[in-house]
Amino acid sequence: MPKQLEPVSLNVDLPTIMAYADLTDDYNPIHVDREFAEKTEMKGIIAHGTMSLNMIWRSLRQTLGNDAIAGTRIDVRFVRPVRENDIVTGGGVEREDAPGTYDVWVRNQMDEPVIAGTATVSQ
């Protein structure tokens, strides 16, 4: 098993958020309605959490391949919202105390965590 997952990134601009809303049929106004979102405690549009979570799956797949991740389990928490125009990067590092388990993360362009957790790859 590789010690590090290959990082993958995504520019989370409004067209990407709207395309994800179309793909998932999730038009929650916090994601797609600027006027509404600016009046919430988020103070603006935030991306769908699962769009950012996908960076972990892409990193796992890119590093290990489809077959290796078929039975992978992830346990993550959402640390902070991803905002319009953030650039998010997902990756991970294998734990020394648990081969096949990776500490995984998604970070924004300021290197702040937005998702953190573990991925355990079936072997």
Protein backbone atom coordinates (compact mmCIF):
# COMPACT_ATOMS: atom_id res chain seq x y z
CA MET A 1 0.00 0.00 0.00
CA PRO A 2 1.27 3.49 -0.80
CA LYS A 3 2.05 5.57 2.28
CA GLN A 4 0.42 8.68 0.80
CA LEU A 5 -2.68 9.16 -1.30
CA GLU A 6 -2.29 11.22 -4.44
CA PRO A 7 -3.89 14.62 -3.83
CA VAL A 8 -6.74 15.78 -6.05
CA SER A 9 -8.15 19.29 -6.23
CA LEU A 10 -11.29 21.09 -7.35
CA ASN A 11 -12.02 24.77 -7.94
CA VAL A 12 -15.42 25.25 -6.33
CA ASP A 13 -16.79 28.09 -8.42
CA LEU A 14 -20.48 28.84 -8.90
CA PRO A 15 -20.80 26.92 -12.20
CA THR A 16 -19.35 23.84 -10.48
CA ILE A 17 -21.77 24.20 -7.56
CA MET A 18 -24.70 24.59 -9.98
CA ALA A 19 -23.60 21.57 -12.03
CA TYR A 20 -23.43 19.53 -8.81
CA ALA A 21 -26.91 20.75 -7.83
CA ASP A 22 -28.19 19.60 -11.24
CA LEU A 23 -26.44 16.25 -10.91
CA THR A 24 -27.77 15.53 -7.42
CA ASP A 25 -31.11 17.37 -7.75
CA ASP A 26 -30.16 19.24 -4.55
CA TYR A 27 -31.22 22.85 -4.91
CA ASN A 28 -31.08 23.79 -1.25
CA PRO A 29 -30.98 27.60 -1.35
CA ILE A 30 -27.84 27.69 0.86
CA HIS A 31 -26.06 26.25 -2.20
CA VAL A 32 -27.74 28.01 -5.11
CA ASP A 33 -29.50 31.21 -4.01
CA ARG A 34 -27.03 34.01 -3.27
CA GLU A 35 -29.63 36.38 -1.79
CA PHE A 36 -30.97 33.71 0.56
CA ALA A 37 -27.51 32.39 1.52
CA GLU A 38 -26.18 35.85 2.39
CA LYS A 39 -28.98 36.25 4.98
CA THR A 40 -28.04 33.02 6.80
CA GLU A 41 -25.37 32.49 9.43
CA MET A 42 -23.15 31.19 6.60
CA LYS A 43 -23.14 34.70 5.07
CA GLY A 44 -23.01 33.35 1.54
CA ILE A 45 -23.22 30.34 -0.72
CA ILE A 46 -21.57 27.15 0.49
CA ALA A 47 -20.87 24.05 -1.56
CA HIS A 48 -22.61 20.73 -1.06
CA GLY A 49 -20.71 18.72 1.55
CA THR A 50 -20.76 15.59 -0.58
CA MET A 51 -19.03 17.44 -3.41
CA SER A 52 -16.05 18.02 -1.14
CA LEU A 53 -16.26 14.50 0.26
CA ASN A 54 -15.82 13.25 -3.28
CA MET A 55 -12.23 14.57 -3.19
CA ILE A 56 -11.38 11.79 -0.71
CA TRP A 57 -12.94 9.12 -2.93
CA ARG A 58 -11.15 10.50 -5.99
CA SER A 59 -7.82 10.50 -4.15
CA LEU A 60 -8.34 6.90 -3.00
CA ARG A 61 -9.36 5.75 -6.48
CA GLN A 62 -6.55 7.60 -8.22
CA THR A 63 -3.97 6.09 -5.85
CA LEU A 64 -5.31 2.57 -5.30
CA GLY A 65 -7.66 1.90 -8.23
CA ASN A 66 -11.34 0.98 -8.39
CA ASP A 67 -10.95 -2.63 -7.26
CA ALA A 68 -8.96 -1.71 -4.16
CA ILE A 69 -11.52 0.79 -2.92
CA ALA A 70 -14.64 -1.30 -3.55
CA GLY A 71 -14.94 -2.27 0.12
CA THR A 72 -13.37 0.84 1.63
CA ARG A 73 -15.10 2.38 4.64
CA ILE A 74 -14.73 6.02 5.51
CA ASP A 75 -15.48 7.80 8.76
CA VAL A 76 -15.30 11.57 8.45
CA ARG A 77 -16.53 14.76 9.99
CA PHE A 78 -17.24 18.03 8.28
CA VAL A 79 -15.05 20.65 9.96
CA ARG A 80 -15.97 23.85 8.11
CA PRO A 81 -18.02 24.80 5.08
CA VAL A 82 -16.56 25.07 1.61
CA ARG A 83 -17.33 28.46 0.15
CA GLU A 84 -17.84 29.61 -3.37
CA ASN A 85 -14.44 30.11 -5.06
CA ASP A 86 -12.55 27.90 -2.60
CA ILE A 87 -10.08 25.42 -4.02
CA VAL A 88 -10.30 22.13 -2.14
CA THR A 89 -7.75 19.34 -2.13
CA GLY A 90 -8.27 15.83 -0.83
CA GLY A 91 -5.63 13.34 0.20
CA GLY A 92 -4.36 11.20 3.01
CA VAL A 93 -1.51 9.38 4.72
CA GLU A 94 -1.45 5.75 5.82
CA ARG A 95 -1.42 5.31 9.58
CA GLU A 96 1.71 3.67 10.96
CA ASP A 97 -0.28 1.91 13.67
CA ALA A 98 -2.93 0.53 11.29
CA PRO A 99 -1.78 -0.59 7.82
CA GLY A 100 -4.53 -0.11 5.26
CA THR A 101 -6.08 2.76 7.22
CA TYR A 102 -5.48 6.29 6.03
CA ASP A 103 -5.94 9.56 7.84
CA VAL A 104 -7.86 11.41 5.12
CA TRP A 105 -8.67 15.05 4.69
CA VAL A 106 -9.98 17.76 2.46
CA ARG A 107 -8.37 21.18 2.86
CA ASN A 108 -9.11 24.53 1.34
CA GLN A 109 -6.61 26.84 -0.37
CA MET A 110 -5.58 28.25 3.02
CA ASP A 111 -4.66 24.72 4.16
CA GLU A 112 -7.60 24.74 6.60
CA PRO A 113 -9.31 21.38 7.06
CA VAL A 114 -12.87 21.19 5.76
CA ILE A 115 -13.23 17.39 6.18
CA ALA A 116 -11.14 15.07 8.37
CA GLY A 117 -11.34 11.39 9.18
CA THR A 118 -10.16 7.91 8.24
CA ALA A 119 -10.52 5.52 5.33
CA THR A 120 -10.04 1.81 5.89
CA VAL A 121 -9.25 -0.15 2.74
CA SER A 122 -10.37 -3.78 2.57
CA GLN A 123 -7.46 -6.05 1.83
